[in-house]
């Protein structure tokens, strides 16, 4: 959504419900571990994003994080994370793979 309709504002709920969201590979378990695959559309957008697009995305995202909950994220932290994820996305696209995330 940040690539398709750039904005620091949260879209209306009806619009959010229309978007393709990550697909659970392993739903959250009792210990909090979860794995999901990012939508192909997002993976391709990240893989194709240039440095200017990633910088703009990081700026919009940082603005939103700070306005929503006063997060202390610095301006360069999120850009570095997005650049790393974009490299992983480019690798996934070039090999015909997927981009996954897991947390616990």
C-alpha atoms as a PDB file:
ATOM      1  CA  UNK A   1       0.000   0.000   0.000  1.00  0.00           C
ATOM      2  CA  UNK A   2       2.928   2.351   0.668  1.00  0.00           C
ATOM      3  CA  UNK A   3       4.163   1.834  -2.890  1.00  0.00           C
ATOM      4  CA  UNK A   4       0.770   1.849  -4.623  1.00  0.00           C
ATOM      5  CA  UNK A   5      -0.721   4.815  -2.750  1.00  0.00           C
ATOM      6  CA  UNK A   6       2.073   6.735  -1.003  1.00  0.00           C
ATOM      7  CA  UNK A   7       0.864   8.429   2.162  1.00  0.00           C
ATOM      8  CA  UNK A   8       1.847   8.790   5.801  1.00  0.00           C
ATOM      9  CA  UNK A   9      -1.828   8.453   6.727  1.00  0.00           C
ATOM     10  CA  UNK A  10      -3.598   5.197   7.495  1.00  0.00           C
ATOM     11  CA  UNK A  11      -6.118   4.386   4.732  1.00  0.00           C
ATOM     12  CA  UNK A  12      -9.772   3.769   5.582  1.00  0.00           C
ATOM     13  CA  UNK A  13     -10.561   0.301   6.966  1.00  0.00           C
ATOM     14  CA  UNK A  14     -12.576  -0.660   3.858  1.00  0.00           C
ATOM     15  CA  UNK A  15      -9.516  -0.022   1.700  1.00  0.00           C
ATOM     16  CA  UNK A  16      -7.239  -1.999   4.029  1.00  0.00           C
ATOM     17  CA  UNK A  17      -9.556  -5.001   3.849  1.00  0.00           C
ATOM     18  CA  UNK A  18      -9.221  -5.048   0.035  1.00  0.00           C
ATOM     19  CA  UNK A  19      -5.431  -5.428   0.095  1.00  0.00           C
ATOM     20  CA  UNK A  20      -3.558  -8.706  -0.212  1.00  0.00           C
ATOM     21  CA  UNK A  21      -1.917  -9.434   3.135  1.00  0.00           C
ATOM     22  CA  UNK A  22       0.856 -11.830   4.081  1.00  0.00           C
ATOM     23  CA  UNK A  23      -0.019 -15.490   3.871  1.00  0.00           C
ATOM     24  CA  UNK A  24       0.509 -17.455   7.074  1.00  0.00           C
ATOM     25  CA  UNK A  25       2.915 -20.338   6.617  1.00  0.00           C
ATOM     26  CA  UNK A  26       2.799 -21.100  10.326  1.00  0.00           C
ATOM     27  CA  UNK A  27       0.174 -19.247  12.322  1.00  0.00           C
ATOM     28  CA  UNK A  28       1.229 -17.875  15.713  1.00  0.00           C
ATOM     29  CA  UNK A  29       1.896 -20.733  18.093  1.00  0.00           C
ATOM     30  CA  UNK A  30       1.668 -20.745  21.883  1.00  0.00           C
ATOM     31  CA  UNK A  31       5.275 -19.594  22.197  1.00  0.00           C
ATOM     32  CA  UNK A  32       4.614 -16.691  19.788  1.00  0.00           C
ATOM     33  CA  UNK A  33       6.555 -18.070  16.823  1.00  0.00           C
ATOM     34  CA  UNK A  34       4.974 -17.222  13.477  1.00  0.00           C
ATOM     35  CA  UNK A  35       6.039 -17.406   9.833  1.00  0.00           C
ATOM     36  CA  UNK A  36       4.400 -15.701   6.885  1.00  0.00           C
ATOM     37  CA  UNK A  37       5.107 -15.180   3.189  1.00  0.00           C
ATOM     38  CA  UNK A  38       4.907 -11.635   1.882  1.00  0.00           C
ATOM     39  CA  UNK A  39       2.571 -11.078  -1.066  1.00  0.00           C
ATOM     40  CA  UNK A  40       4.288 -11.381  -4.457  1.00  0.00           C
ATOM     41  CA  UNK A  41       3.148  -7.853  -5.328  1.00  0.00           C
ATOM     42  CA  UNK A  42       5.025  -6.439  -2.336  1.00  0.00           C
ATOM     43  CA  UNK A  43       8.082  -8.586  -2.995  1.00  0.00           C
ATOM     44  CA  UNK A  44       8.262  -7.334  -6.599  1.00  0.00           C
ATOM     45  CA  UNK A  45       7.715  -3.707  -5.507  1.00  0.00           C
ATOM     46  CA  UNK A  46      10.564  -3.971  -3.007  1.00  0.00           C
ATOM     47  CA  UNK A  47      12.818  -5.707  -5.535  1.00  0.00           C
ATOM     48  CA  UNK A  48      12.159  -3.010  -8.144  1.00  0.00           C
ATOM     49  CA  UNK A  49      12.384  -0.038  -5.770  1.00  0.00           C
ATOM     50  CA  UNK A  50      15.229   2.374  -6.349  1.00  0.00           C
ATOM     51  CA  UNK A  51      17.078   4.217  -3.616  1.00  0.00           C
ATOM     52  CA  UNK A  52      14.825   7.293  -3.909  1.00  0.00           C
ATOM     53  CA  UNK A  53      11.680   5.173  -3.542  1.00  0.00           C
ATOM     54  CA  UNK A  54      13.094   3.407  -0.509  1.00  0.00           C
ATOM     55  CA  UNK A  55      14.102   6.734   1.063  1.00  0.00           C
ATOM     56  CA  UNK A  56      10.605   8.141   0.478  1.00  0.00           C
ATOM     57  CA  UNK A  57       9.011   4.969   1.865  1.00  0.00           C
ATOM     58  CA  UNK A  58      11.216   5.103   4.963  1.00  0.00           C
ATOM     59  CA  UNK A  59      10.322   8.754   5.525  1.00  0.00           C
ATOM     60  CA  UNK A  60       6.555   8.118   5.235  1.00  0.00           C
ATOM     61  CA  UNK A  61       6.753   5.057   7.455  1.00  0.00           C
ATOM     62  CA  UNK A  62       8.856   6.860  10.089  1.00  0.00           C
ATOM     63  CA  UNK A  63       6.383   9.760  10.109  1.00  0.00           C
ATOM     64  CA  UNK A  64       3.515   7.364  10.681  1.00  0.00           C
ATOM     65  CA  UNK A  65       5.284   5.412  13.431  1.00  0.00           C
ATOM     66  CA  UNK A  66       6.099   8.609  15.285  1.00  0.00           C
ATOM     67  CA  UNK A  67       2.594  10.034  14.926  1.00  0.00           C
ATOM     68  CA  UNK A  68       0.848   6.789  15.941  1.00  0.00           C
ATOM     69  CA  UNK A  69       2.782   5.873  19.049  1.00  0.00           C
ATOM     70  CA  UNK A  70       5.733   8.200  19.448  1.00  0.00           C
ATOM     71  CA  UNK A  71       8.205   5.502  18.388  1.00  0.00           C
ATOM     72  CA  UNK A  72      11.854   6.500  18.863  1.00  0.00           C
ATOM     73  CA  UNK A  73      13.053   5.023  15.564  1.00  0.00           C
ATOM     74  CA  UNK A  74      15.759   7.159  13.967  1.00  0.00           C
ATOM     75  CA  UNK A  75      15.560   8.339  10.376  1.00  0.00           C
ATOM     76  CA  UNK A  76      18.379   6.103   9.173  1.00  0.00           C
ATOM     77  CA  UNK A  77      17.346   2.886  10.984  1.00  0.00           C
ATOM     78  CA  UNK A  78      14.295   2.167   8.874  1.00  0.00           C
ATOM     79  CA  UNK A  79      16.032   3.019   5.596  1.00  0.00           C
ATOM     80  CA  UNK A  80      18.818   0.518   6.361  1.00  0.00           C
ATOM     81  CA  UNK A  81      16.226  -2.153   7.158  1.00  0.00           C
ATOM     82  CA  UNK A  82      14.268  -1.439   3.951  1.00  0.00           C
ATOM     83  CA  UNK A  83      17.442  -1.538   1.852  1.00  0.00           C
ATOM     84  CA  UNK A  84      18.300  -4.957   3.292  1.00  0.00           C
ATOM     85  CA  UNK A  85      14.793  -6.264   2.704  1.00  0.00           C
ATOM     86  CA  UNK A  86      14.846  -4.883  -0.854  1.00  0.00           C
ATOM     87  CA  UNK A  87      18.047  -6.850  -1.519  1.00  0.00           C
ATOM     88  CA  UNK A  88      16.411 -10.008  -0.172  1.00  0.00           C
ATOM     89  CA  UNK A  89      13.332  -9.323  -2.308  1.00  0.00           C
ATOM     90  CA  UNK A  90      15.495  -8.882  -5.419  1.00  0.00           C
ATOM     91  CA  UNK A  91      17.159 -12.224  -4.701  1.00  0.00           C
ATOM     92  CA  UNK A  92      13.767 -13.898  -4.207  1.00  0.00           C
ATOM     93  CA  UNK A  93      12.421 -12.480  -7.473  1.00  0.00           C
ATOM     94  CA  UNK A  94      15.541 -13.429  -9.455  1.00  0.00           C
ATOM     95  CA  UNK A  95      15.408 -17.024  -8.212  1.00  0.00           C
ATOM     96  CA  UNK A  96      11.637 -17.418  -8.440  1.00  0.00           C
ATOM     97  CA  UNK A  97      11.423 -17.714  -4.666  1.00  0.00           C
ATOM     98  CA  UNK A  98       9.343 -16.014  -1.996  1.00  0.00           C
ATOM     99  CA  UNK A  99      10.098 -13.571   0.757  1.00  0.00           C
ATOM    100  CA  UNK A 100       9.295 -14.834   4.248  1.00  0.00           C
ATOM    101  CA  UNK A 101       9.259 -13.312   7.697  1.00  0.00           C
ATOM    102  CA  UNK A 102       9.267 -15.007  11.042  1.00  0.00           C
ATOM    103  CA  UNK A 103       9.157 -13.698  14.551  1.00  0.00           C
ATOM    104  CA  UNK A 104       8.877 -14.916  18.102  1.00  0.00           C
END
